[in-house]
Amino acid sequence: MPSPFLGIDLASQSLRAFQKALEVTGNNIANVNTPGYTRQTVDLAAATPTTYQGLHTISLGQGVNVISVNRIRNSFLDGRMVTAQADLGRADEMYTTLQHVEAVLNDTTGAGISDAMTRFFNAWSGLAANPNDIGARTQVQLAGSTLAQLIRGRHQDLATLKLQEQNDADQMFTQIDTLTSKISDLNRQIRDTVTNGEPPNSLLDQRDQALRDLGQIVGIHSY
């Protein structure tokens, strides 16, 4: 026969399950602005009923149990987002670098190499028309000196830009090493946590965030 305290046990078990659901909801609200946090939900299922043998066979439910606390994720969308972030990161890096190159080789102000070459060849044309003109010779010298200075200056600017890009690349490789090491360590922790029968939701969030950070630097595929 059922225990006379069955109703109390069912109520207590239900309250514990609902308390867990409230805790998860509170945790979702508390982490609404946490980078990389994934909203979680509680999966509830009816407890296995107990069968009592008597004059008639009676099957009574045993309340509700918390089956698991799951993250609300879409693996397909996650993979697409990582790929899109890699494309965006590459485009941003190219855009920034080309902006710097454009600033060095800017010929729209009238003081670039193109205008200096035009003045240089115009000076030679003037000298060809008046070979004995001292002023024309001076103009050729000045135009040539100006052109040479501009070319040397642009070359130095590009060399400096190249050095900056190399330094950025070195820092990028350092970031890649740091993130890949972090992901490897998180994989180990996730494996150990699952082995212990605990949900690794927080660790999975950290790994997803590390993958997104890595995807902004280089193109990656995760499985």
C-alpha atoms as a PDB file:
ATOM      1  CA  MET A   1       0.000   0.000   0.000  1.00  0.00           C
ATOM      2  CA  PRO A   2       1.143   3.567  -0.589  1.00  0.00           C
ATOM      3  CA  SER A   3       2.732   5.329   2.317  1.00  0.00           C
ATOM      4  CA  PRO A   4       0.464   7.774   4.130  1.00  0.00           C
ATOM      5  CA  PHE A   5       3.189  10.350   3.601  1.00  0.00           C
ATOM      6  CA  LEU A   6       3.230   9.865  -0.204  1.00  0.00           C
ATOM      7  CA  GLY A   7       1.499  13.169  -0.807  1.00  0.00           C
ATOM      8  CA  ILE A   8       4.031  14.994   1.354  1.00  0.00           C
ATOM      9  CA  ASP A   9       6.905  13.271  -0.455  1.00  0.00           C
ATOM     10  CA  LEU A  10       5.450  14.230  -3.849  1.00  0.00           C
ATOM     11  CA  ALA A  11       5.000  17.836  -2.776  1.00  0.00           C
ATOM     12  CA  SER A  12       8.528  17.997  -1.364  1.00  0.00           C
ATOM     13  CA  GLN A  13      10.028  16.491  -4.513  1.00  0.00           C
ATOM     14  CA  SER A  14       8.047  18.867  -6.708  1.00  0.00           C
ATOM     15  CA  LEU A  15       9.169  21.866  -4.660  1.00  0.00           C
ATOM     16  CA  ARG A  16      12.800  20.808  -5.003  1.00  0.00           C
ATOM     17  CA  ALA A  17      12.398  20.470  -8.776  1.00  0.00           C
ATOM     18  CA  PHE A  18      10.702  23.868  -9.071  1.00  0.00           C
ATOM     19  CA  GLN A  19      13.326  25.412  -6.809  1.00  0.00           C
ATOM     20  CA  LYS A  20      16.005  24.145  -9.183  1.00  0.00           C
ATOM     21  CA  ALA A  21      14.113  25.665 -12.112  1.00  0.00           C
ATOM     22  CA  LEU A  22      13.902  28.998 -10.265  1.00  0.00           C
ATOM     23  CA  GLU A  23      17.635  28.866  -9.513  1.00  0.00           C
ATOM     24  CA  VAL A  24      18.416  28.328 -13.196  1.00  0.00           C
ATOM     25  CA  THR A  25      16.077  31.178 -14.166  1.00  0.00           C
ATOM     26  CA  GLY A  26      17.744  33.464 -11.622  1.00  0.00           C
ATOM     27  CA  ASN A  27      21.141  32.473 -12.955  1.00  0.00           C
ATOM     28  CA  ASN A  28      20.007  33.348 -16.503  1.00  0.00           C
ATOM     29  CA  ILE A  29      18.853  36.782 -15.346  1.00  0.00           C
ATOM     30  CA  ALA A  30      22.052  37.404 -13.378  1.00  0.00           C
ATOM     31  CA  ASN A  31      24.210  36.602 -16.430  1.00  0.00           C
ATOM     32  CA  VAL A  32      22.158  38.491 -18.987  1.00  0.00           C
ATOM     33  CA  ASN A  33      25.156  40.770 -19.733  1.00  0.00           C
ATOM     34  CA  THR A  34      27.886  38.164 -19.230  1.00  0.00           C
ATOM     35  CA  PRO A  35      29.934  37.731 -22.443  1.00  0.00           C
ATOM     36  CA  GLY A  36      29.695  34.201 -23.793  1.00  0.00           C
ATOM     37  CA  TYR A  37      26.963  33.097 -21.372  1.00  0.00           C
ATOM     38  CA  THR A  38      24.353  30.746 -22.825  1.00  0.00           C
ATOM     39  CA  ARG A  39      20.821  30.701 -21.499  1.00  0.00           C
ATOM     40  CA  GLN A  40      20.002  27.453 -19.688  1.00  0.00           C
ATOM     41  CA  THR A  41      16.806  25.535 -19.218  1.00  0.00           C
ATOM     42  CA  VAL A  42      15.726  22.754 -16.857  1.00  0.00           C
ATOM     43  CA  ASP A  43      14.397  19.531 -18.339  1.00  0.00           C
ATOM     44  CA  LEU A  44      11.729  17.969 -16.121  1.00  0.00           C
ATOM     45  CA  ALA A  45      10.305  14.477 -16.444  1.00  0.00           C
ATOM     46  CA  ALA A  46       7.759  12.486 -14.526  1.00  0.00           C
ATOM     47  CA  ALA A  47       9.322  10.103 -12.040  1.00  0.00           C
ATOM     48  CA  THR A  48       8.866   6.407 -12.652  1.00  0.00           C
ATOM     49  CA  PRO A  49       5.530   5.379 -11.089  1.00  0.00           C
ATOM     50  CA  THR A  50       5.402   2.741  -8.411  1.00  0.00           C
ATOM     51  CA  THR A  51       3.090  -0.230  -8.764  1.00  0.00           C
ATOM     52  CA  TYR A  52       1.297  -1.578  -5.699  1.00  0.00           C
ATOM     53  CA  GLN A  53      -0.202  -5.071  -5.635  1.00  0.00           C
ATOM     54  CA  GLY A  54      -3.346  -5.636  -3.674  1.00  0.00           C
ATOM     55  CA  LEU A  55      -6.891  -6.478  -4.455  1.00  0.00           C
ATOM     56  CA  HIS A  56      -6.285  -4.434  -7.543  1.00  0.00           C
ATOM     57  CA  THR A  57      -2.982  -3.384  -9.124  1.00  0.00           C
ATOM     58  CA  ILE A  58      -2.414   0.298  -8.450  1.00  0.00           C
ATOM     59  CA  SER A  59       0.174   2.434 -10.252  1.00  0.00           C
ATOM     60  CA  LEU A  60       0.918   5.748  -8.590  1.00  0.00           C
ATOM     61  CA  GLY A  61       3.137   8.504  -9.917  1.00  0.00           C
ATOM     62  CA  GLN A  62       6.149   9.583  -7.935  1.00  0.00           C
ATOM     63  CA  GLY A  63       6.185  13.262  -8.832  1.00  0.00           C
ATOM     64  CA  VAL A  64       8.684  15.050 -11.040  1.00  0.00           C
ATOM     65  CA  ASN A  65      12.453  14.852 -11.388  1.00  0.00           C
ATOM     66  CA  VAL A  66      15.048  17.227 -12.802  1.00  0.00           C
ATOM     67  CA  ILE A  67      16.631  15.319 -15.679  1.00  0.00           C
ATOM     68  CA  SER A  68      19.245  17.845 -16.764  1.00  0.00           C
ATOM     69  CA  VAL A  69      20.128  21.509 -17.067  1.00  0.00           C
ATOM     70  CA  ASN A  70      20.825  22.217 -20.718  1.00  0.00           C
ATOM     71  CA  ARG A  71      22.237  25.138 -22.678  1.00  0.00           C
ATOM     72  CA  ILE A  72      20.079  26.630 -25.422  1.00  0.00           C
ATOM     73  CA  ARG A  73      22.457  26.382 -28.378  1.00  0.00           C
ATOM     74  CA  ASN A  74      22.246  25.660 -32.099  1.00  0.00           C
ATOM     75  CA  SER A  75      25.412  23.903 -33.272  1.00  0.00           C
ATOM     76  CA  PHE A  76      24.764  24.779 -36.929  1.00  0.00           C
ATOM     77  CA  LEU A  77      24.336  28.483 -36.201  1.00  0.00           C
ATOM     78  CA  ASP A  78      27.378  28.411 -33.909  1.00  0.00           C
ATOM     79  CA  GLY A  79      29.509  26.978 -36.721  1.00  0.00           C
ATOM     80  CA  ARG A  80      28.203  29.539 -39.202  1.00  0.00           C
ATOM     81  CA  MET A  81      28.867  32.362 -36.738  1.00  0.00           C
ATOM     82  CA  VAL A  82      32.481  31.261 -36.215  1.00  0.00           C
ATOM     83  CA  THR A  83      32.997  31.143 -39.991  1.00  0.00           C
ATOM     84  CA  ALA A  84      31.379  34.562 -40.438  1.00  0.00           C
ATOM     85  CA  GLN A  85      33.517  36.045 -37.667  1.00  0.00           C
ATOM     86  CA  ALA A  86      36.640  34.698 -39.358  1.00  0.00           C
ATOM     87  CA  ASP A  87      35.599  36.372 -42.628  1.00  0.00           C
ATOM     88  CA  LEU A  88      34.795  39.596 -40.773  1.00  0.00           C
ATOM     89  CA  GLY A  89      38.125  39.567 -38.929  1.00  0.00           C
ATOM     90  CA  ARG A  90      40.045  39.039 -42.174  1.00  0.00           C
ATOM     91  CA  ALA A  91      38.108  41.833 -43.901  1.00  0.00           C
ATOM     92  CA  ASP A  92      38.670  44.214 -40.974  1.00  0.00           C
ATOM     93  CA  GLU A  93      42.401  43.463 -40.940  1.00  0.00           C
ATOM     94  CA  MET A  94      42.697  44.023 -44.700  1.00  0.00           C
ATOM     95  CA  TYR A  95      40.671  47.221 -44.457  1.00  0.00           C
ATOM     96  CA  THR A  96      42.850  48.620 -41.658  1.00  0.00           C
ATOM     97  CA  THR A  97      46.096  47.715 -43.435  1.00  0.00           C
ATOM     98  CA  LEU A  98      44.970  49.149 -46.777  1.00  0.00           C
ATOM     99  CA  GLN A  99      43.868  52.324 -45.012  1.00  0.00           C
ATOM    100  CA  HIS A 100      47.435  52.733 -43.712  1.00  0.00           C
ATOM    101  CA  VAL A 101      48.884  52.069 -47.171  1.00  0.00           C
ATOM    102  CA  GLU A 102      46.439  54.537 -48.697  1.00  0.00           C
ATOM    103  CA  ALA A 103      47.500  57.180 -46.188  1.00  0.00           C
ATOM    104  CA  VAL A 104      51.145  56.656 -47.182  1.00  0.00           C
ATOM    105  CA  LEU A 105      50.532  56.698 -50.939  1.00  0.00           C
ATOM    106  CA  ASN A 106      47.830  59.371 -50.940  1.00  0.00           C
ATOM    107  CA  ASP A 107      48.095  61.367 -54.192  1.00  0.00           C
ATOM    108  CA  THR A 108      44.858  63.323 -53.823  1.00  0.00           C
ATOM    109  CA  THR A 109      46.399  66.310 -52.017  1.00  0.00           C
ATOM    110  CA  GLY A 110      48.615  67.502 -54.879  1.00  0.00           C
ATOM    111  CA  ALA A 111      51.778  66.658 -52.946  1.00  0.00           C
ATOM    112  CA  GLY A 112      52.166  62.995 -53.862  1.00  0.00           C
ATOM    113  CA  ILE A 113      54.626  61.082 -56.020  1.00  0.00           C
ATOM    114  CA  SER A 114      52.372  61.277 -59.081  1.00  0.00           C
ATOM    115  CA  ASP A 115      52.285  65.096 -58.985  1.00  0.00           C
ATOM    116  CA  ALA A 116      56.042  65.238 -58.280  1.00  0.00           C
ATOM    117  CA  MET A 117      56.731  63.037 -61.321  1.00  0.00           C
ATOM    118  CA  THR A 118      54.517  65.270 -63.459  1.00  0.00           C
ATOM    119  CA  ARG A 119      56.441  68.362 -62.336  1.00  0.00           C
ATOM    120  CA  PHE A 120      59.739  66.536 -62.900  1.00  0.00           C
ATOM    121  CA  PHE A 121      58.915  65.625 -66.507  1.00  0.00           C
ATOM    122  CA  ASN A 122      57.454  69.082 -67.151  1.00  0.00           C
ATOM    123  CA  ALA A 123      60.743  70.568 -65.939  1.00  0.00           C
ATOM    124  CA  TRP A 124      62.652  68.390 -68.410  1.00  0.00           C
ATOM    125  CA  SER A 125      60.304  69.467 -71.189  1.00  0.00           C
ATOM    126  CA  GLY A 126      60.988  73.098 -70.310  1.00  0.00           C
ATOM    127  CA  LEU A 127      64.728  72.448 -70.297  1.00  0.00           C
ATOM    128  CA  ALA A 128      64.524  70.672 -73.660  1.00  0.00           C
ATOM    129  CA  ALA A 129      62.842  73.751 -75.121  1.00  0.00           C
ATOM    130  CA  ASN A 130      65.516  76.065 -73.630  1.00  0.00           C
ATOM    131  CA  PRO A 131      68.723  74.055 -73.014  1.00  0.00           C
ATOM    132  CA  ASN A 132      70.774  77.118 -72.101  1.00  0.00           C
ATOM    133  CA  ASP A 133      68.234  78.565 -69.668  1.00  0.00           C
ATOM    134  CA  ILE A 134      69.754  78.546 -66.167  1.00  0.00           C
ATOM    135  CA  GLY A 135      66.293  78.792 -64.598  1.00  0.00           C
ATOM    136  CA  ALA A 136      65.106  75.707 -66.502  1.00  0.00           C
ATOM    137  CA  ARG A 137      68.116  73.744 -65.261  1.00  0.00           C
ATOM    138  CA  THR A 138      67.401  74.820 -61.713  1.00  0.00           C
ATOM    139  CA  GLN A 139      63.782  73.701 -62.056  1.00  0.00           C
ATOM    140  CA  VAL A 140      64.949  70.248 -63.188  1.00  0.00           C
ATOM    141  CA  GLN A 141      67.249  69.980 -60.185  1.00  0.00           C
ATOM    142  CA  LEU A 142      64.557  71.082 -57.730  1.00  0.00           C
ATOM    143  CA  ALA A 143      61.924  68.794 -59.272  1.00  0.00           C
ATOM    144  CA  GLY A 144      64.312  65.831 -59.217  1.00  0.00           C
ATOM    145  CA  SER A 145      65.301  66.493 -55.614  1.00  0.00           C
ATOM    146  CA  THR A 146      61.664  66.785 -54.556  1.00  0.00           C
ATOM    147  CA  LEU A 147      60.748  63.546 -56.336  1.00  0.00           C
ATOM    148  CA  ALA A 148      63.671  61.682 -54.771  1.00  0.00           C
ATOM    149  CA  GLN A 149      62.780  62.934 -51.294  1.00  0.00           C
ATOM    150  CA  LEU A 150      59.169  61.870 -51.722  1.00  0.00           C
ATOM    151  CA  ILE A 151      60.137  58.394 -52.923  1.00  0.00           C
ATOM    152  CA  ARG A 152      62.585  57.957 -50.031  1.00  0.00           C
ATOM    153  CA  GLY A 153      59.973  59.195 -47.559  1.00  0.00           C
ATOM    154  CA  ARG A 154      57.256  56.879 -48.901  1.00  0.00           C
ATOM    155  CA  HIS A 155      59.686  53.953 -48.855  1.00  0.00           C
ATOM    156  CA  GLN A 156      60.526  54.653 -45.215  1.00  0.00           C
ATOM    157  CA  ASP A 157      56.839  54.966 -44.325  1.00  0.00           C
ATOM    158  CA  LEU A 158      56.071  51.635 -46.003  1.00  0.00           C
ATOM    159  CA  ALA A 159      59.026  50.001 -44.238  1.00  0.00           C
ATOM    160  CA  THR A 160      57.696  51.302 -40.903  1.00  0.00           C
ATOM    161  CA  LEU A 161      54.219  50.024 -41.769  1.00  0.00           C
ATOM    162  CA  LYS A 162      55.674  46.625 -42.660  1.00  0.00           C
ATOM    163  CA  LEU A 163      57.440  46.476 -39.297  1.00  0.00           C
ATOM    164  CA  GLN A 164      54.204  47.345 -37.509  1.00  0.00           C
ATOM    165  CA  GLU A 165      52.373  44.596 -39.400  1.00  0.00           C
ATOM    166  CA  GLN A 166      55.071  42.099 -38.454  1.00  0.00           C
ATOM    167  CA  ASN A 167      54.752  43.083 -34.797  1.00  0.00           C
ATOM    168  CA  ASP A 168      50.961  42.722 -35.048  1.00  0.00           C
ATOM    169  CA  ALA A 169      51.419  39.287 -36.609  1.00  0.00           C
ATOM    170  CA  ASP A 170      53.727  38.228 -33.759  1.00  0.00           C
ATOM    171  CA  GLN A 171      51.143  39.373 -31.219  1.00  0.00           C
ATOM    172  CA  MET A 172      48.465  37.534 -33.183  1.00  0.00           C
ATOM    173  CA  PHE A 173      50.442  34.281 -33.055  1.00  0.00           C
ATOM    174  CA  THR A 174      50.819  34.766 -29.302  1.00  0.00           C
ATOM    175  CA  GLN A 175      47.042  35.181 -29.006  1.00  0.00           C
ATOM    176  CA  ILE A 176      46.508  32.042 -31.093  1.00  0.00           C
ATOM    177  CA  ASP A 177      48.835  30.026 -28.863  1.00  0.00           C
ATOM    178  CA  THR A 178      47.086  31.338 -25.743  1.00  0.00           C
ATOM    179  CA  LEU A 179      43.599  30.589 -27.036  1.00  0.00           C
ATOM    180  CA  THR A 180      44.429  27.128 -28.368  1.00  0.00           C
ATOM    181  CA  SER A 181      46.038  26.224 -25.043  1.00  0.00           C
ATOM    182  CA  LYS A 182      42.953  27.515 -23.235  1.00  0.00           C
ATOM    183  CA  ILE A 183      40.640  25.481 -25.484  1.00  0.00           C
ATOM    184  CA  SER A 184      42.719  22.356 -24.924  1.00  0.00           C
ATOM    185  CA  ASP A 185      42.595  22.859 -21.158  1.00  0.00           C
ATOM    186  CA  LEU A 186      38.831  23.465 -21.271  1.00  0.00           C
ATOM    187  CA  ASN A 187      38.344  20.272 -23.295  1.00  0.00           C
ATOM    188  CA  ARG A 188      40.135  18.350 -20.569  1.00  0.00           C
ATOM    189  CA  GLN A 189      38.043  19.967 -17.837  1.00  0.00           C
ATOM    190  CA  ILE A 190      34.827  19.295 -19.766  1.00  0.00           C
ATOM    191  CA  ARG A 191      35.767  15.643 -20.214  1.00  0.00           C
ATOM    192  CA  ASP A 192      36.536  15.265 -16.493  1.00  0.00           C
ATOM    193  CA  THR A 193      33.311  17.023 -15.490  1.00  0.00           C
ATOM    194  CA  VAL A 194      31.184  14.810 -17.734  1.00  0.00           C
ATOM    195  CA  THR A 195      32.956  11.744 -16.372  1.00  0.00           C
ATOM    196  CA  ASN A 196      31.954  12.855 -12.870  1.00  0.00           C
ATOM    197  CA  GLY A 197      28.318  13.078 -13.982  1.00  0.00           C
ATOM    198  CA  GLU A 198      28.091  16.865 -13.714  1.00  0.00           C
ATOM    199  CA  PRO A 199      26.852  19.267 -16.423  1.00  0.00           C
ATOM    200  CA  PRO A 200      29.802  21.287 -17.812  1.00  0.00           C
ATOM    201  CA  ASN A 201      27.636  24.216 -18.944  1.00  0.00           C
ATOM    202  CA  SER A 202      29.922  26.970 -17.666  1.00  0.00           C
ATOM    203  CA  LEU A 203      32.982  25.291 -19.171  1.00  0.00           C
ATOM    204  CA  LEU A 204      31.175  24.874 -22.494  1.00  0.00           C
ATOM    205  CA  ASP A 205      30.348  28.592 -22.479  1.00  0.00           C
ATOM    206  CA  GLN A 206      33.998  29.437 -21.862  1.00  0.00           C
ATOM    207  CA  ARG A 207      35.117  27.143 -24.680  1.00  0.00           C
ATOM    208  CA  ASP A 208      32.580  28.596 -27.117  1.00  0.00           C
ATOM    209  CA  GLN A 209      33.761  32.106 -26.241  1.00  0.00           C
ATOM    210  CA  ALA A 210      37.396  31.069 -26.769  1.00  0.00           C
ATOM    211  CA  LEU A 211      36.452  29.561 -30.143  1.00  0.00           C
ATOM    212  CA  ARG A 212      34.719  32.789 -31.144  1.00  0.00           C
ATOM    213  CA  ASP A 213      37.771  34.815 -30.088  1.00  0.00           C
ATOM    214  CA  LEU A 214      40.015  32.471 -32.080  1.00  0.00           C
ATOM    215  CA  GLY A 215      37.658  32.653 -35.058  1.00  0.00           C
ATOM    216  CA  GLN A 216      38.122  36.430 -35.184  1.00  0.00           C
ATOM    217  CA  ILE A 217      41.869  35.926 -35.710  1.00  0.00           C
ATOM    218  CA  VAL A 218      42.079  32.919 -38.036  1.00  0.00           C
ATOM    219  CA  GLY A 219      39.653  30.732 -39.960  1.00  0.00           C
ATOM    220  CA  ILE A 220      38.798  27.671 -37.887  1.00  0.00           C
ATOM    221  CA  HIS A 221      36.457  24.690 -37.955  1.00  0.00           C
ATOM    222  CA  SER A 222      35.332  23.029 -34.723  1.00  0.00           C
ATOM    223  CA  TYR A 223      33.796  19.605 -34.238  1.00  0.00           C
END
